[in-house]
């Protein structure tokens, strides 16, 4: 999975709390949500957001997509926009991209427990090749 998509997918369930960091209620709720996924998920989300969040806040389209995801973590359109905006941010900041890649790689197991990958295949005789980790649910229609 591309780094921008990985970052957007990882932070999306935490956005309601990340966007309100500094408020005690947000910290407590974020920590509780992180425990649902795995130990360290909330801390990893805060580390990622600490690096990419300010850049997202600077770009109105990225900030709007993050706010939409904070309201509805299942909003596929907002996730797509945020992913594209994060990609642009990382292309303009290669050092930031490398730093975020290192953060993701140092605890890949935690990241895989949070990131949700959806793949839909319709029709007959379609071949799909790929790797998946964490919780996987494969359906065919």
Protein backbone atom coordinates (compact mmCIF):
# COMPACT_ATOMS: atom_id res chain seq x y z
CA UNK A 1 0.00 0.00 0.00
CA UNK A 2 1.29 3.45 -0.89
CA UNK A 3 2.51 5.49 2.10
CA UNK A 4 -0.07 8.28 1.65
CA UNK A 5 -2.93 5.77 1.64
CA UNK A 6 -1.44 3.97 4.62
CA UNK A 7 -1.17 7.18 6.63
CA UNK A 8 -4.68 8.36 5.75
CA UNK A 9 -6.18 4.95 6.54
CA UNK A 10 -4.28 4.64 9.80
CA UNK A 11 -5.18 8.06 11.22
CA UNK A 12 -8.80 8.14 9.98
CA UNK A 13 -10.41 6.33 12.95
CA UNK A 14 -8.46 8.56 15.35
CA UNK A 15 -9.21 11.90 13.63
CA UNK A 16 -12.04 13.00 15.95
CA UNK A 17 -9.54 12.82 18.82
CA UNK A 18 -6.39 13.91 16.98
CA UNK A 19 -8.03 17.10 15.78
CA UNK A 20 -8.84 17.94 19.41
CA UNK A 21 -5.48 17.06 20.96
CA UNK A 22 -4.73 19.01 24.09
CA UNK A 23 -8.23 18.56 25.42
CA UNK A 24 -8.34 15.95 28.21
CA UNK A 25 -11.49 14.32 26.84
CA UNK A 26 -9.87 13.82 23.41
CA UNK A 27 -6.76 12.26 24.93
CA UNK A 28 -8.78 9.80 27.04
CA UNK A 29 -11.13 8.86 24.21
CA UNK A 30 -8.25 8.43 21.76
CA UNK A 31 -6.38 6.18 24.17
CA UNK A 32 -9.48 4.05 24.71
CA UNK A 33 -10.03 3.75 20.94
CA UNK A 34 -6.38 2.81 20.46
CA UNK A 35 -6.76 -0.04 22.98
CA UNK A 36 -9.54 -1.44 20.79
CA UNK A 37 -7.06 -1.90 17.95
CA UNK A 38 -3.84 -2.78 19.77
CA UNK A 39 -1.49 -1.53 22.41
CA UNK A 40 0.40 1.48 21.09
CA UNK A 41 -2.06 2.38 18.32
CA UNK A 42 -3.06 5.70 19.90
CA UNK A 43 0.55 6.66 20.56
CA UNK A 44 1.48 5.80 16.96
CA UNK A 45 -1.46 7.88 15.67
CA UNK A 46 -0.31 10.85 17.78
CA UNK A 47 3.25 10.51 16.48
CA UNK A 48 2.08 10.44 12.86
CA UNK A 49 -0.34 13.31 13.38
CA UNK A 50 2.35 15.37 15.12
CA UNK A 51 4.37 15.25 11.91
CA UNK A 52 1.70 15.36 9.18
CA UNK A 53 -1.11 17.19 11.02
CA UNK A 54 0.37 20.70 10.74
CA UNK A 55 0.85 20.23 6.98
CA UNK A 56 -2.75 19.01 6.63
CA UNK A 57 -3.99 22.02 8.62
CA UNK A 58 -2.21 24.33 6.13
CA UNK A 59 -4.06 22.91 3.10
CA UNK A 60 -7.80 23.74 3.09
CA UNK A 61 -8.73 20.71 0.97
CA UNK A 62 -6.75 18.33 3.20
CA UNK A 63 -8.13 19.92 6.36
CA UNK A 64 -11.69 19.67 5.02
CA UNK A 65 -11.23 15.98 4.19
CA UNK A 66 -9.80 15.32 7.66
CA UNK A 67 -12.77 17.10 9.23
CA UNK A 68 -15.17 15.01 7.13
CA UNK A 69 -13.42 11.83 8.26
CA UNK A 70 -13.56 13.01 11.85
CA UNK A 71 -17.34 13.19 11.45
CA UNK A 72 -17.63 9.89 9.56
CA UNK A 73 -14.63 7.52 9.50
CA UNK A 74 -16.35 5.43 6.79
CA UNK A 75 -16.57 8.30 4.27
CA UNK A 76 -14.71 6.77 1.31
CA UNK A 77 -14.74 10.03 -0.68
CA UNK A 78 -13.17 11.99 2.16
CA UNK A 79 -10.56 9.26 2.64
CA UNK A 80 -9.69 9.41 -1.06
CA UNK A 81 -9.31 13.21 -0.94
CA UNK A 82 -7.20 13.04 2.22
CA UNK A 83 -5.00 10.35 0.66
CA UNK A 84 -4.41 12.50 -2.44
CA UNK A 85 -3.63 15.55 -0.33
CA UNK A 86 -1.21 13.60 1.89
CA UNK A 87 0.48 12.30 -1.26
CA UNK A 88 0.98 15.88 -2.48
CA UNK A 89 2.35 16.92 0.91
CA UNK A 90 4.81 14.03 0.93
CA UNK A 91 5.94 14.65 -2.65
CA UNK A 92 6.75 18.23 -1.67
CA UNK A 93 8.50 17.10 1.55
CA UNK A 94 10.65 13.99 0.91
CA UNK A 95 12.28 14.19 4.35
CA UNK A 96 8.85 14.13 5.97
CA UNK A 97 7.89 11.15 3.82
CA UNK A 98 10.99 9.25 4.95
CA UNK A 99 10.35 10.12 8.59
CA UNK A 100 6.74 8.93 8.38
CA UNK A 101 7.78 5.73 6.58
CA UNK A 102 10.20 5.00 9.43
CA UNK A 103 7.45 5.56 12.00
CA UNK A 104 5.13 3.19 10.16
CA UNK A 105 7.81 0.55 9.65
CA UNK A 106 8.96 0.48 13.27
CA UNK A 107 5.62 -0.99 14.38
CA UNK A 108 4.08 -2.54 11.28
CA UNK A 109 2.00 -4.98 13.33
CA UNK A 110 0.13 -2.17 15.11
CA UNK A 111 -0.42 -0.38 11.81
CA UNK A 112 -1.80 -3.53 10.18
CA UNK A 113 -4.35 -3.93 12.98
CA UNK A 114 -5.79 -0.47 12.33
CA UNK A 115 -5.64 -0.14 8.53
CA UNK A 116 -8.67 -1.48 6.71
CA UNK A 117 -8.31 -2.57 3.10
CA UNK A 118 -11.43 -3.05 1.01
CA UNK A 119 -11.32 -4.70 -2.35
CA UNK A 120 -14.39 -5.38 -4.48
CA UNK A 121 -14.25 -7.74 -7.43
CA UNK A 122 -17.31 -8.33 -9.58
CA UNK A 123 -17.78 -10.52 -12.60
CA UNK A 124 -16.62 -13.98 -13.60
CA UNK A 125 -13.08 -15.31 -13.83
CA UNK A 126 -11.44 -12.26 -12.28
CA UNK A 127 -8.01 -12.80 -10.81
CA UNK A 128 -6.91 -10.71 -7.85
CA UNK A 129 -3.39 -10.89 -6.47
CA UNK A 130 -2.19 -9.19 -3.33
CA UNK A 131 -1.08 -9.45 0.29
CA UNK A 132 -3.15 -8.64 3.33
CA UNK A 133 -2.39 -8.50 7.01
CA UNK A 134 -4.32 -8.01 10.21
CA UNK A 135 -8.00 -8.74 10.00
CA UNK A 136 -8.98 -9.90 6.53
CA UNK A 137 -12.48 -10.50 5.17
CA UNK A 138 -12.71 -11.64 1.55
CA UNK A 139 -16.05 -11.74 -0.23
CA UNK A 140 -16.89 -12.34 -3.85
CA UNK A 141 -20.03 -11.19 -5.64
